[in-house]
Protein backbone atom coordinates (compact mmCIF):
# COMPACT_ATOMS: atom_id res chain seq x y z
CA UNK A 1 57.31 -6.70 26.26
CA UNK A 2 57.37 -9.80 26.40
CA UNK A 3 60.42 -12.52 25.43
CA UNK A 4 61.48 -16.03 25.89
CA UNK A 5 64.63 -17.84 27.44
CA UNK A 6 66.40 -21.26 25.92
CA UNK A 7 64.01 -23.26 27.56
CA UNK A 8 61.06 -21.65 26.28
CA UNK A 9 59.90 -20.02 29.70
CA UNK A 10 58.26 -16.27 29.01
CA UNK A 11 59.42 -13.32 31.08
CA UNK A 12 58.77 -9.71 30.66
CA UNK A 13 60.21 -6.50 30.26
CA UNK A 14 59.11 -3.20 31.75
CA UNK A 15 60.97 -0.20 31.42
CA UNK A 16 60.49 3.22 32.85
CA UNK A 17 61.81 6.00 30.90
CA UNK A 18 61.85 9.95 31.00
CA UNK A 19 59.70 11.56 28.71
CA UNK A 20 62.03 14.67 28.00
CA UNK A 21 65.48 13.45 28.44
CA UNK A 22 64.99 9.64 26.95
CA UNK A 23 66.90 8.25 29.78
CA UNK A 24 65.89 4.98 30.69
CA UNK A 25 65.59 5.13 34.17
CA UNK A 26 65.18 1.49 34.85
CA UNK A 27 63.98 -1.78 33.51
CA UNK A 28 62.55 -4.82 35.52
CA UNK A 29 63.02 -8.55 33.96
CA UNK A 30 60.80 -11.07 35.76
CA UNK A 31 58.82 -14.09 34.84
CA UNK A 32 55.86 -11.92 36.30
CA UNK A 33 55.85 -8.26 37.10
CA UNK A 34 53.77 -7.83 39.73
CA UNK A 35 52.42 -4.75 41.54
CA UNK A 36 54.92 -4.90 44.63
CA UNK A 37 57.74 -4.85 42.41
CA UNK A 38 56.18 -1.80 40.03
CA UNK A 39 55.31 0.18 43.35
CA UNK A 40 59.02 -0.83 44.88
CA UNK A 41 60.95 0.78 41.60
CA UNK A 42 59.11 3.38 41.54
CA UNK A 43 59.42 4.19 45.12
CA UNK A 44 62.65 4.12 44.71
CA UNK A 45 63.13 6.37 41.39
CA UNK A 46 60.66 8.96 43.36
CA UNK A 47 63.16 9.24 46.18
CA UNK A 48 66.05 10.03 44.00
CA UNK A 49 64.61 12.02 41.13
CA UNK A 50 61.62 13.41 42.97
CA UNK A 51 57.88 12.78 42.19
CA UNK A 52 56.55 13.33 38.72
CA UNK A 53 53.55 15.15 38.04
CA UNK A 54 52.53 12.53 35.79
CA UNK A 55 53.34 9.08 34.71
CA UNK A 56 52.08 7.79 30.73
CA UNK A 57 52.13 4.23 30.14
CA UNK A 58 50.11 2.04 27.56
CA UNK A 59 47.02 0.33 29.28
CA UNK A 60 49.16 -2.97 30.45
CA UNK A 61 48.25 -4.45 34.04
CA UNK A 62 51.38 -3.45 35.40
CA UNK A 63 50.40 0.31 35.42
CA UNK A 64 46.37 -0.07 35.40
CA UNK A 65 46.20 -2.17 38.35
CA UNK A 66 44.07 -0.98 41.38
CA UNK A 67 47.26 -1.15 43.69
CA UNK A 68 49.43 0.90 41.53
CA UNK A 69 46.79 3.13 40.69
CA UNK A 70 46.11 3.72 44.47
CA UNK A 71 49.72 4.26 45.39
CA UNK A 72 50.31 6.67 42.55
CA UNK A 73 46.75 8.67 43.54
CA UNK A 74 47.93 8.79 47.27
CA UNK A 75 51.32 10.50 46.12
CA UNK A 76 49.32 12.79 44.00
CA UNK A 77 50.91 11.22 40.58
CA UNK A 78 48.53 11.79 37.32
CA UNK A 79 48.26 8.67 35.16
CA UNK A 80 47.78 9.33 31.55
CA UNK A 81 47.22 6.52 29.66
CA UNK A 82 47.51 6.16 25.75
CA UNK A 83 44.72 4.77 24.01
CA UNK A 84 44.73 1.44 22.97
CA UNK A 85 46.18 0.34 19.92
CA UNK A 86 47.66 3.80 19.47
CA UNK A 87 51.43 2.91 20.28
CA UNK A 88 52.46 6.17 18.43
CA UNK A 89 51.34 8.11 21.47
CA UNK A 90 54.16 6.51 23.40
CA UNK A 91 56.43 6.80 20.34
CA UNK A 92 59.80 7.29 22.21
CA UNK A 93 59.14 3.84 24.23
CA UNK A 94 58.12 2.23 21.03
CA UNK A 95 61.28 2.95 19.66
CA UNK A 96 63.14 2.04 22.68
CA UNK A 97 61.53 -1.05 22.88
CA UNK A 98 62.34 -1.79 19.28
CA UNK A 99 66.01 -1.31 19.82
CA UNK A 100 66.19 -3.33 22.68
CA UNK A 101 64.81 -6.32 20.44
CA UNK A 102 66.67 -5.33 17.55
CA UNK A 103 70.11 -4.97 19.12
CA UNK A 104 69.89 -7.32 22.15
CA UNK A 105 67.18 -9.76 22.24
CA UNK A 106 67.00 -10.79 18.68
CA UNK A 107 70.73 -11.63 19.05
CA UNK A 108 70.76 -13.17 22.04
CA UNK A 109 69.65 -16.52 23.77
CA UNK A 110 69.44 -16.10 27.03
CA UNK A 111 69.78 -19.63 29.00
CA UNK A 112 68.64 -18.20 32.09
CA UNK A 113 66.23 -15.05 33.74
CA UNK A 114 69.46 -14.19 35.49
CA UNK A 115 71.83 -14.21 32.35
CA UNK A 116 68.68 -11.76 30.44
CA UNK A 117 68.73 -9.54 33.58
CA UNK A 118 72.27 -8.92 33.43
CA UNK A 119 72.69 -8.47 29.69
CA UNK A 120 69.60 -6.14 29.56
CA UNK A 121 71.13 -4.28 32.65
CA UNK A 122 74.23 -3.90 30.27
CA UNK A 123 72.43 -2.80 27.20
CA UNK A 124 70.00 -0.25 29.24
CA UNK A 125 73.50 1.51 30.98
CA UNK A 126 75.24 1.68 27.17
CA UNK A 127 71.92 3.06 25.73
CA UNK A 128 71.80 5.76 28.69
CA UNK A 129 75.54 6.61 28.32
CA UNK A 130 77.37 5.85 24.86
CA UNK A 131 74.60 5.73 22.42
CA UNK A 132 73.55 8.69 20.41
CA UNK A 133 69.94 9.80 20.13
CA UNK A 134 68.89 12.17 17.44
CA UNK A 135 65.61 13.54 19.37
CA UNK A 136 68.88 14.57 21.63
CA UNK A 137 71.24 16.05 18.96
CA UNK A 138 73.47 13.07 18.62
CA UNK A 139 74.32 12.84 22.68
CA UNK A 140 73.46 10.43 25.14
CA UNK A 141 70.43 10.75 27.53
CA UNK A 142 72.94 10.67 30.31
CA UNK A 143 76.58 10.81 29.75
CA UNK A 144 77.07 12.49 33.07
CA UNK A 145 76.66 8.94 34.91
CA UNK A 146 79.31 7.50 33.05
CA UNK A 147 81.71 6.47 36.13
CA UNK A 148 85.40 6.69 35.33
CA UNK A 149 87.31 4.29 37.44
CA UNK A 150 91.13 4.86 38.21
């Protein structure tokens, strides 16, 4: 997904979600999302959550690049790409991105990339820990991730 900060400069958003639980595992927010950043993010996710059997994505460069595909192949992770022009094949991601845009991006004007990163991450945590999801019987995807401060 692409958006702009107040001065008109573009930044990109890449979100990674668990297809089953609807838990948004991570969001990258950068001007350019390079192969190394995608690999580093997935490396960390794989360490903490295990290596998945497959990754489903659209045909964006972040997942179709040779470096990312080769790295995933070495780990035995299958890459499943949805058909171009068929966003309904990734409906849960499209829904997530629509909510992110409606609930945050269209309501805020970020003055810096850092501000965008902080507020998008804050929104992601609320999405996972508080926001009810109809596909999950109106429960949040990761309520157990809430830390109660004493």
